[in-house]
Each structure stands twice: as C-alpha cells, then as structure tokens.
C-alpha cells in the first residue's frame, strides 16, 4: 500500500519481499507506514504488487521494486529497493 502526502512524500506499508516499499531499512513485512527513501516533490504514484513508480513535479519518474525482466525501464534487470530515476526517452 502507498500513500502520497500533501508535502510530496510517499509512504508505504505491507509486503516488502522485493524492495517494493522503497525503503532499504524496512523489514520483509511492514505494519506501519515507512517513508519511501529519497523522494520529494511527488505528484503521482502508480504501483502494483511488486513495483512502484512516482512522477515528480519536475516531470521525472522514479521506479523501484521488482525488475528481473527490466520492467522498471532503468536499463538493468536488477531489483532495486530504493527509487531510481527512469532515463528520459530519446523520442
């Protein structure tokens, strides 16, 4: 589960087996909200069971969680438990 606060921070709780809570100090299951690391100025969050994306006020996107097939769009196939910037499309 994710919550976007008015101050532009994102908070998450629930299962964290793949780093999908975006907080490397969180355990495998979190019962109270923890702040997603390094995010501010967030305007929108999109998430599923194993990964999440945040659109920031500056138009950039951050992604975290499962990435075994490159589904985060960050140029690797490695899971990440902290938000990383999605490279801009050359189009």
PDB file of N, CA and C in Angstrom:
ATOM      1  N   UNK A   1       0.834  -1.169   0.000  1.00  0.00           N
ATOM      2  CA  UNK A   1       0.000   0.000   0.000  1.00  0.00           C
ATOM      3  C   UNK A   1       0.884   1.239   0.000  1.00  0.00           C
ATOM      4  N   UNK A   2       0.407   2.284  -0.644  1.00  0.00           N
ATOM      5  CA  UNK A   2       1.158   3.529  -0.748  1.00  0.00           C
ATOM      6  C   UNK A   2       0.243   4.701  -0.439  1.00  0.00           C
ATOM      7  N   UNK A   3       0.837   5.740   0.148  1.00  0.00           N
ATOM      8  CA  UNK A   3       0.111   6.983   0.404  1.00  0.00           C
ATOM      9  C   UNK A   3       0.986   8.143  -0.033  1.00  0.00           C
ATOM     10  N   UNK A   4       0.398   9.060  -0.770  1.00  0.00           N
ATOM     11  CA  UNK A   4       1.075  10.277  -1.194  1.00  0.00           C
ATOM     12  C   UNK A   4       0.565  11.408  -0.311  1.00  0.00           C
ATOM     13  N   UNK A   5       1.475  12.000   0.466  1.00  0.00           N
ATOM     14  CA  UNK A   5       1.087  13.085   1.363  1.00  0.00           C
ATOM     15  C   UNK A   5       1.103  14.425   0.624  1.00  0.00           C
ATOM     16  N   UNK A   6       0.417  15.399   1.161  1.00  0.00           N
ATOM     17  CA  UNK A   6       0.358  16.730   0.561  1.00  0.00           C
ATOM     18  C   UNK A   6       1.728  17.366   0.414  1.00  0.00           C
ATOM     19  N   UNK A   7       2.681  16.968   1.260  1.00  0.00           N
ATOM     20  CA  UNK A   7       4.022  17.552   1.184  1.00  0.00           C
ATOM     21  C   UNK A   7       4.885  16.921   0.087  1.00  0.00           C
ATOM     22  N   UNK A   8       4.312  15.990  -0.695  1.00  0.00           N
ATOM     23  CA  UNK A   8       5.033  15.379  -1.807  1.00  0.00           C
ATOM     24  C   UNK A   8       5.875  14.187  -1.431  1.00  0.00           C
ATOM     25  N   UNK A   9       5.751  13.704  -0.195  1.00  0.00           N
ATOM     26  CA  UNK A   9       6.455  12.486   0.206  1.00  0.00           C
ATOM     27  C   UNK A   9       5.535  11.286   0.009  1.00  0.00           C
ATOM     28  N   UNK A  10       6.153  10.119  -0.102  1.00  0.00           N
ATOM     29  CA  UNK A  10       5.402   8.882  -0.291  1.00  0.00           C
ATOM     30  C   UNK A  10       5.701   7.956   0.886  1.00  0.00           C
ATOM     31  N   UNK A  11       4.664   7.318   1.378  1.00  0.00           N
ATOM     32  CA  UNK A  11       4.771   6.396   2.498  1.00  0.00           C
ATOM     33  C   UNK A  11       4.209   5.048   2.058  1.00  0.00           C
ATOM     34  N   UNK A  12       4.798   3.965   2.570  1.00  0.00           N
ATOM     35  CA  UNK A  12       4.392   2.633   2.123  1.00  0.00           C
ATOM     36  C   UNK A  12       4.366   1.652   3.296  1.00  0.00           C
ATOM     37  N   UNK A  13       3.561   0.602   3.152  1.00  0.00           N
ATOM     38  CA  UNK A  13       3.492  -0.450   4.157  1.00  0.00           C
ATOM     39  C   UNK A  13       2.973  -1.713   3.499  1.00  0.00           C
ATOM     40  N   UNK A  14       3.166  -2.842   4.173  1.00  0.00           N
ATOM     41  CA  UNK A  14       2.750  -4.138   3.645  1.00  0.00           C
ATOM     42  C   UNK A  14       3.956  -5.000   3.321  1.00  0.00           C
ATOM     43  N   UNK A  15       3.799  -5.894   2.358  1.00  0.00           N
ATOM     44  CA  UNK A  15       4.891  -6.789   1.976  1.00  0.00           C
ATOM     45  C   UNK A  15       6.036  -6.012   1.334  1.00  0.00           C
ATOM     46  N   UNK A  16       7.257  -6.459   1.617  1.00  0.00           N
ATOM     47  CA  UNK A  16       8.440  -5.780   1.110  1.00  0.00           C
ATOM     48  C   UNK A  16       9.490  -6.804   0.672  1.00  0.00           C
ATOM     49  N   UNK A  17       9.069  -7.934   0.205  1.00  0.00           N
ATOM     50  CA  UNK A  17       9.992  -9.022  -0.153  1.00  0.00           C
ATOM     51  C   UNK A  17      10.868  -8.670  -1.352  1.00  0.00           C
ATOM     52  N   UNK A  18      10.446  -7.753  -2.181  1.00  0.00           N
ATOM     53  CA  UNK A  18      11.198  -7.398  -3.385  1.00  0.00           C
ATOM     54  C   UNK A  18      11.701  -5.954  -3.344  1.00  0.00           C
ATOM     55  N   UNK A  19      11.609  -5.315  -2.192  1.00  0.00           N
ATOM     56  CA  UNK A  19      12.012  -3.919  -2.092  1.00  0.00           C
ATOM     57  C   UNK A  19      10.954  -2.954  -2.568  1.00  0.00           C
ATOM     58  N   UNK A  20       9.734  -3.437  -2.737  1.00  0.00           N
ATOM     59  CA  UNK A  20       8.683  -2.607  -3.323  1.00  0.00           C
ATOM     60  C   UNK A  20       8.215  -1.465  -2.414  1.00  0.00           C
ATOM     61  N   UNK A  21       8.662  -1.444  -1.157  1.00  0.00           N
ATOM     62  CA  UNK A  21       8.322  -0.312  -0.298  1.00  0.00           C
ATOM     63  C   UNK A  21       9.304   0.841  -0.465  1.00  0.00           C
ATOM     64  N   UNK A  22      10.403   0.604  -1.180  1.00  0.00           N
ATOM     65  CA  UNK A  22      11.337   1.685  -1.469  1.00  0.00           C
ATOM     66  C   UNK A  22      12.105   2.186  -0.269  1.00  0.00           C
ATOM     67  N   UNK A  23      12.253   1.344   0.731  1.00  0.00           N
ATOM     68  CA  UNK A  23      12.968   1.721   1.950  1.00  0.00           C
ATOM     69  C   UNK A  23      13.868   0.557   2.350  1.00  0.00           C
ATOM     70  N   UNK A  24      15.192   0.685   2.150  1.00  0.00           N
ATOM     71  CA  UNK A  24      16.097  -0.439   2.397  1.00  0.00           C
ATOM     72  C   UNK A  24      16.212  -0.859   3.857  1.00  0.00           C
ATOM     73  N   UNK A  25      15.767  -0.012   4.791  1.00  0.00           N
ATOM     74  CA  UNK A  25      15.845  -0.390   6.196  1.00  0.00           C
ATOM     75  C   UNK A  25      14.579  -1.075   6.688  1.00  0.00           C
ATOM     76  N   UNK A  26      13.551  -1.119   5.861  1.00  0.00           N
ATOM     77  CA  UNK A  26      12.294  -1.764   6.251  1.00  0.00           C
ATOM     78  C   UNK A  26      12.472  -3.279   6.220  1.00  0.00           C
ATOM     79  N   UNK A  27      11.708  -3.965   7.017  1.00  0.00           N
ATOM     80  CA  UNK A  27      11.749  -5.424   7.032  1.00  0.00           C
ATOM     81  C   UNK A  27      10.978  -6.014   5.871  1.00  0.00           C
ATOM     82  N   UNK A  28      10.767  -7.333   5.911  1.00  0.00           N
ATOM     83  CA  UNK A  28      10.074  -8.011   4.821  1.00  0.00           C
ATOM     84  C   UNK A  28       8.566  -7.782   4.856  1.00  0.00           C
ATOM     85  N   UNK A  29       8.047  -7.406   6.018  1.00  0.00           N
ATOM     86  CA  UNK A  29       6.634  -7.039   6.124  1.00  0.00           C
ATOM     87  C   UNK A  29       6.530  -5.879   7.099  1.00  0.00           C
ATOM     88  N   UNK A  30       5.915  -4.790   6.665  1.00  0.00           N
ATOM     89  CA  UNK A  30       5.862  -3.565   7.451  1.00  0.00           C
ATOM     90  C   UNK A  30       4.409  -3.267   7.805  1.00  0.00           C
ATOM     91  N   UNK A  31       4.125  -3.167   9.091  1.00  0.00           N
ATOM     92  CA  UNK A  31       2.753  -2.966   9.559  1.00  0.00           C
ATOM     93  C   UNK A  31       2.365  -1.502   9.741  1.00  0.00           C
ATOM     94  N   UNK A  32       3.351  -0.615   9.783  1.00  0.00           N
ATOM     95  CA  UNK A  32       3.082   0.822   9.892  1.00  0.00           C
ATOM     96  C   UNK A  32       3.798   1.524   8.747  1.00  0.00           C
ATOM     97  N   UNK A  33       3.268   2.615   8.238  1.00  0.00           N
ATOM     98  CA  UNK A  33       3.887   3.289   7.096  1.00  0.00           C
ATOM     99  C   UNK A  33       5.331   3.716   7.362  1.00  0.00           C
ATOM    100  N   UNK A  34       6.185   3.500   6.351  1.00  0.00           N
ATOM    101  CA  UNK A  34       7.563   3.985   6.346  1.00  0.00           C
ATOM    102  C   UNK A  34       7.713   4.886   5.129  1.00  0.00           C
ATOM    103  N   UNK A  35       8.545   5.899   5.253  1.00  0.00           N
ATOM    104  CA  UNK A  35       8.733   6.818   4.139  1.00  0.00           C
ATOM    105  C   UNK A  35       9.574   6.164   3.060  1.00  0.00           C
ATOM    106  N   UNK A  36       9.160   6.316   1.810  1.00  0.00           N
ATOM    107  CA  UNK A  36       9.942   5.842   0.670  1.00  0.00           C
ATOM    108  C   UNK A  36      11.187   6.730   0.601  1.00  0.00           C
ATOM    109  N   UNK A  37      12.338   6.095   0.524  1.00  0.00           N
ATOM    110  CA  UNK A  37      13.621   6.797   0.606  1.00  0.00           C
ATOM    111  C   UNK A  37      13.861   7.761  -0.549  1.00  0.00           C
ATOM    112  N   UNK A  38      14.322   8.960  -0.212  1.00  0.00           N
ATOM    113  CA  UNK A  38      14.818   9.903  -1.206  1.00  0.00           C
ATOM    114  C   UNK A  38      13.801  10.538  -2.129  1.00  0.00           C
ATOM    115  N   UNK A  39      12.530  10.460  -1.812  1.00  0.00           N
ATOM    116  CA  UNK A  39      11.517  11.060  -2.686  1.00  0.00           C
ATOM    117  C   UNK A  39      10.932  12.314  -2.069  1.00  0.00           C
ATOM    118  N   UNK A  40      10.825  13.355  -2.889  1.00  0.00           N
ATOM    119  CA  UNK A  40      10.107  14.559  -2.505  1.00  0.00           C
ATOM    120  C   UNK A  40       9.568  15.184  -3.784  1.00  0.00           C
ATOM    121  N   UNK A  41       8.595  16.037  -3.649  1.00  0.00           N
ATOM    122  CA  UNK A  41       8.014  16.667  -4.826  1.00  0.00           C
ATOM    123  C   UNK A  41       7.243  15.706  -5.711  1.00  0.00           C
ATOM    124  N   UNK A  42       6.706  14.639  -5.129  1.00  0.00           N
ATOM    125  CA  UNK A  42       5.960  13.641  -5.899  1.00  0.00           C
ATOM    126  C   UNK A  42       4.550  14.156  -6.170  1.00  0.00           C
ATOM    127  N   UNK A  43       4.094  13.987  -7.399  1.00  0.00           N
ATOM    128  CA  UNK A  43       2.760  14.402  -7.807  1.00  0.00           C
ATOM    129  C   UNK A  43       1.802  13.227  -7.971  1.00  0.00           C
ATOM    130  N   UNK A  44       2.360  12.053  -8.318  1.00  0.00           N
ATOM    131  CA  UNK A  44       1.503  10.898  -8.565  1.00  0.00           C
ATOM    132  C   UNK A  44       2.299   9.622  -8.338  1.00  0.00           C
ATOM    133  N   UNK A  45       1.628   8.579  -7.837  1.00  0.00           N
ATOM    134  CA  UNK A  45       2.242   7.274  -7.626  1.00  0.00           C
ATOM    135  C   UNK A  45       1.400   6.220  -8.329  1.00  0.00           C
ATOM    136  N   UNK A  46       2.072   5.304  -9.000  1.00  0.00           N
ATOM    137  CA  UNK A  46       1.434   4.166  -9.639  1.00  0.00           C
ATOM    138  C   UNK A  46       2.143   2.925  -9.130  1.00  0.00           C
ATOM    139  N   UNK A  47       1.394   1.944  -8.648  1.00  0.00           N
ATOM    140  CA  UNK A  47       2.033   0.769  -8.062  1.00  0.00           C
ATOM    141  C   UNK A  47       1.210  -0.478  -8.298  1.00  0.00           C
ATOM    142  N   UNK A  48       1.910  -1.609  -8.271  1.00  0.00           N
ATOM    143  CA  UNK A  48       1.223  -2.895  -8.250  1.00  0.00           C
ATOM    144  C   UNK A  48       1.804  -3.695  -7.096  1.00  0.00           C
ATOM    145  N   UNK A  49       1.656  -4.986  -7.123  1.00  0.00           N
ATOM    146  CA  UNK A  49       2.057  -5.855  -6.016  1.00  0.00           C
ATOM    147  C   UNK A  49       3.562  -5.858  -5.763  1.00  0.00           C
ATOM    148  N   UNK A  50       4.379  -5.657  -6.792  1.00  0.00           N
ATOM    149  CA  UNK A  50       5.823  -5.832  -6.638  1.00  0.00           C
ATOM    150  C   UNK A  50       6.677  -4.649  -7.067  1.00  0.00           C
ATOM    151  N   UNK A  51       6.100  -3.589  -7.558  1.00  0.00           N
ATOM    152  CA  UNK A  51       6.900  -2.444  -8.031  1.00  0.00           C
ATOM    153  C   UNK A  51       6.072  -1.173  -7.955  1.00  0.00           C
ATOM    154  N   UNK A  52       6.783  -0.032  -8.006  1.00  0.00           N
ATOM    155  CA  UNK A  52       6.086   1.248  -7.941  1.00  0.00           C
ATOM    156  C   UNK A  52       6.833   2.295  -8.763  1.00  0.00           C
ATOM    157  N   UNK A  53       6.090   3.313  -9.173  1.00  0.00           N
ATOM    158  CA  UNK A  53       6.622   4.427  -9.958  1.00  0.00           C
ATOM    159  C   UNK A  53       6.091   5.718  -9.364  1.00  0.00           C
ATOM    160  N   UNK A  54       6.919   6.753  -9.364  1.00  0.00           N
ATOM    161  CA  UNK A  54       6.497   8.062  -8.874  1.00  0.00           C
ATOM    162  C   UNK A  54       6.809   9.109  -9.934  1.00  0.00           C
ATOM    163  N   UNK A  55       5.829   9.947 -10.231  1.00  0.00           N
ATOM    164  CA  UNK A  55       6.013  11.088 -11.122  1.00  0.00           C
ATOM    165  C   UNK A  55       6.280  12.299 -10.248  1.00  0.00           C
ATOM    166  N   UNK A  56       7.428  12.954 -10.464  1.00  0.00           N
ATOM    167  CA  UNK A  56       7.809  14.106  -9.673  1.00  0.00           C
ATOM    168  C   UNK A  56       7.356  15.396 -10.345  1.00  0.00           C
ATOM    169  N   UNK A  57       7.309  16.460  -9.570  1.00  0.00           N
ATOM    170  CA  UNK A  57       6.863  17.765 -10.067  1.00  0.00           C
ATOM    171  C   UNK A  57       7.717  18.261 -11.227  1.00  0.00           C
ATOM    172  N   UNK A  58       8.984  17.843 -11.288  1.00  0.00           N
ATOM    173  CA  UNK A  58       9.864  18.280 -12.378  1.00  0.00           C
ATOM    174  C   UNK A  58       9.706  17.450 -13.646  1.00  0.00           C
ATOM    175  N   UNK A  59       8.759  16.499 -13.638  1.00  0.00           N
ATOM    176  CA  UNK A  59       8.479  15.688 -14.814  1.00  0.00           C
ATOM    177  C   UNK A  59       9.287  14.413 -14.903  1.00  0.00           C
ATOM    178  N   UNK A  60      10.203  14.185 -13.980  1.00  0.00           N
ATOM    179  CA  UNK A  60      10.986  12.946 -13.994  1.00  0.00           C
ATOM    180  C   UNK A  60      10.210  11.844 -13.287  1.00  0.00           C
ATOM    181  N   UNK A  61      10.630  10.607 -13.523  1.00  0.00           N
ATOM    182  CA  UNK A  61       9.978   9.436 -12.946  1.00  0.00           C
ATOM    183  C   UNK A  61      11.006   8.637 -12.165  1.00  0.00           C
ATOM    184  N   UNK A  62      10.606   8.146 -10.999  1.00  0.00           N
ATOM    185  CA  UNK A  62      11.428   7.243 -10.196  1.00  0.00           C
ATOM    186  C   UNK A  62      10.714   5.900 -10.143  1.00  0.00           C
ATOM    187  N   UNK A  63      11.494   4.817 -10.081  1.00  0.00           N
ATOM    188  CA  UNK A  63      10.933   3.471 -10.047  1.00  0.00           C
ATOM    189  C   UNK A  63      11.683   2.632  -9.020  1.00  0.00           C
ATOM    190  N   UNK A  64      10.997   1.637  -8.443  1.00  0.00           N
ATOM    191  CA  UNK A  64      11.636   0.725  -7.504  1.00  0.00           C
ATOM    192  C   UNK A  64      10.820  -0.555  -7.385  1.00  0.00           C
ATOM    193  N   UNK A  65      11.498  -1.620  -6.926  1.00  0.00           N
ATOM    194  CA  UNK A  65      10.852  -2.919  -6.748  1.00  0.00           C
ATOM    195  C   UNK A  65      11.414  -3.954  -7.706  1.00  0.00           C
ATOM    196  N   UNK A  66      10.558  -4.894  -8.111  1.00  0.00           N
ATOM    197  CA  UNK A  66      10.966  -5.993  -8.986  1.00  0.00           C
ATOM    198  C   UNK A  66      11.348  -5.470 -10.365  1.00  0.00           C
ATOM    199  N   UNK A  67      12.466  -5.980 -10.876  1.00  0.00           N
ATOM    200  CA  UNK A  67      12.966  -5.535 -12.178  1.00  0.00           C
ATOM    201  C   UNK A  67      13.684  -6.677 -12.898  1.00  0.00           C
ATOM    202  N   UNK A  68      13.311  -7.909 -12.634  1.00  0.00           N
ATOM    203  CA  UNK A  68      14.037  -9.062 -13.183  1.00  0.00           C
ATOM    204  C   UNK A  68      13.987  -9.149 -14.700  1.00  0.00           C
ATOM    205  N   UNK A  69      13.002  -8.518 -15.308  1.00  0.00           N
ATOM    206  CA  UNK A  69      12.913  -8.511 -16.770  1.00  0.00           C
ATOM    207  C   UNK A  69      13.074  -7.110 -17.342  1.00  0.00           C
ATOM    208  N   UNK A  70      13.575  -6.188 -16.539  1.00  0.00           N
ATOM    209  CA  UNK A  70      13.766  -4.822 -16.999  1.00  0.00           C
ATOM    210  C   UNK A  70      12.507  -3.987 -17.006  1.00  0.00           C
ATOM    211  N   UNK A  71      11.483  -4.419 -16.286  1.00  0.00           N
ATOM    212  CA  UNK A  71      10.190  -3.751 -16.336  1.00  0.00           C
ATOM    213  C   UNK A  71      10.171  -2.358 -15.699  1.00  0.00           C
ATOM    214  N   UNK A  72      11.194  -1.986 -14.939  1.00  0.00           N
ATOM    215  CA  UNK A  72      11.241  -0.633 -14.378  1.00  0.00           C
ATOM    216  C   UNK A  72      11.718   0.395 -15.392  1.00  0.00           C
ATOM    217  N   UNK A  73      12.326  -0.059 -16.469  1.00  0.00           N
ATOM    218  CA  UNK A  73      12.789   0.857 -17.507  1.00  0.00           C
ATOM    219  C   UNK A  73      14.033   1.629 -17.136  1.00  0.00           C
ATOM    220  N   UNK A  74      14.853   1.068 -16.242  1.00  0.00           N
ATOM    221  CA  UNK A  74      16.041   1.781 -15.767  1.00  0.00           C
ATOM    222  C   UNK A  74      17.329   1.291 -16.421  1.00  0.00           C
ATOM    223  N   UNK A  75      17.220   0.405 -17.396  1.00  0.00           N
ATOM    224  CA  UNK A  75      18.396  -0.035 -18.135  1.00  0.00           C
ATOM    225  C   UNK A  75      19.108  -1.239 -17.559  1.00  0.00           C
ATOM    226  N   UNK A  76      18.542  -1.848 -16.516  1.00  0.00           N
ATOM    227  CA  UNK A  76      19.120  -3.062 -15.935  1.00  0.00           C
ATOM    228  C   UNK A  76      18.012  -4.087 -15.742  1.00  0.00           C
ATOM    229  N   UNK A  77      18.390  -5.252 -15.265  1.00  0.00           N
ATOM    230  CA  UNK A  77      17.418  -6.283 -14.906  1.00  0.00           C
ATOM    231  C   UNK A  77      17.646  -6.697 -13.458  1.00  0.00           C
ATOM    232  N   UNK A  78      17.933  -5.715 -12.616  1.00  0.00           N
ATOM    233  CA  UNK A  78      18.204  -5.950 -11.205  1.00  0.00           C
ATOM    234  C   UNK A  78      17.140  -5.255 -10.368  1.00  0.00           C
ATOM    235  N   UNK A  79      16.604  -5.962  -9.379  1.00  0.00           N
ATOM    236  CA  UNK A  79      15.638  -5.355  -8.466  1.00  0.00           C
ATOM    237  C   UNK A  79      16.300  -4.200  -7.724  1.00  0.00           C
ATOM    238  N   UNK A  80      15.502  -3.221  -7.319  1.00  0.00           N
ATOM    239  CA  UNK A  80      16.025  -2.115  -6.537  1.00  0.00           C
ATOM    240  C   UNK A  80      15.078  -1.795  -5.390  1.00  0.00           C
ATOM    241  N   UNK A  81      15.639  -1.617  -4.190  1.00  0.00           N
ATOM    242  CA  UNK A  81      14.796  -1.318  -3.035  1.00  0.00           C
ATOM    243  C   UNK A  81      14.804   0.167  -2.677  1.00  0.00           C
ATOM    244  N   UNK A  82      15.353   0.986  -3.568  1.00  0.00           N
ATOM    245  CA  UNK A  82      15.285   2.447  -3.432  1.00  0.00           C
ATOM    246  C   UNK A  82      14.861   3.024  -4.775  1.00  0.00           C
ATOM    247  N   UNK A  83      14.165   4.137  -4.769  1.00  0.00           N
ATOM    248  CA  UNK A  83      13.760   4.751  -6.038  1.00  0.00           C
ATOM    249  C   UNK A  83      14.960   5.188  -6.866  1.00  0.00           C
ATOM    250  N   UNK A  84      14.938   4.850  -8.148  1.00  0.00           N
ATOM    251  CA  UNK A  84      15.977   5.285  -9.077  1.00  0.00           C
ATOM    252  C   UNK A  84      15.305   5.995 -10.254  1.00  0.00           C
ATOM    253  N   UNK A  85      16.008   6.944 -10.824  1.00  0.00           N
ATOM    254  CA  UNK A  85      15.427   7.716 -11.929  1.00  0.00           C
ATOM    255  C   UNK A  85      15.329   6.869 -13.183  1.00  0.00           C
ATOM    256  N   UNK A  86      14.178   6.944 -13.827  1.00  0.00           N
ATOM    257  CA  UNK A  86      13.976   6.292 -15.113  1.00  0.00           C
ATOM    258  C   UNK A  86      14.534   7.230 -16.172  1.00  0.00           C
ATOM    259  N   UNK A  87      15.452   6.739 -17.023  1.00  0.00           N
ATOM    260  CA  UNK A  87      16.036   7.622 -18.045  1.00  0.00           C
ATOM    261  C   UNK A  87      14.975   8.179 -18.989  1.00  0.00           C
ATOM    262  N   UNK A  88      15.202   9.387 -19.441  1.00  0.00           N
ATOM    263  CA  UNK A  88      14.279  10.017 -20.390  1.00  0.00           C
ATOM    264  C   UNK A  88      14.329   9.267 -21.714  1.00  0.00           C
ATOM    265  N   UNK A  89      13.198   9.189 -22.356  1.00  0.00           N
ATOM    266  CA  UNK A  89      13.103   8.557 -23.662  1.00  0.00           C
ATOM    267  C   UNK A  89      13.727   9.477 -24.713  1.00  0.00           C
ATOM    268  N   UNK A  90      14.466   8.901 -25.680  1.00  0.00           N
ATOM    269  CA  UNK A  90      15.063   9.729 -26.714  1.00  0.00           C
ATOM    270  C   UNK A  90      14.056  10.256 -27.736  1.00  0.00           C
ATOM    271  N   UNK A  91      12.815   9.834 -27.624  1.00  0.00           N
ATOM    272  CA  UNK A  91      11.784  10.237 -28.584  1.00  0.00           C
ATOM    273  C   UNK A  91      11.261  11.600 -28.266  1.00  0.00           C
TER     274      UNK A  91
END
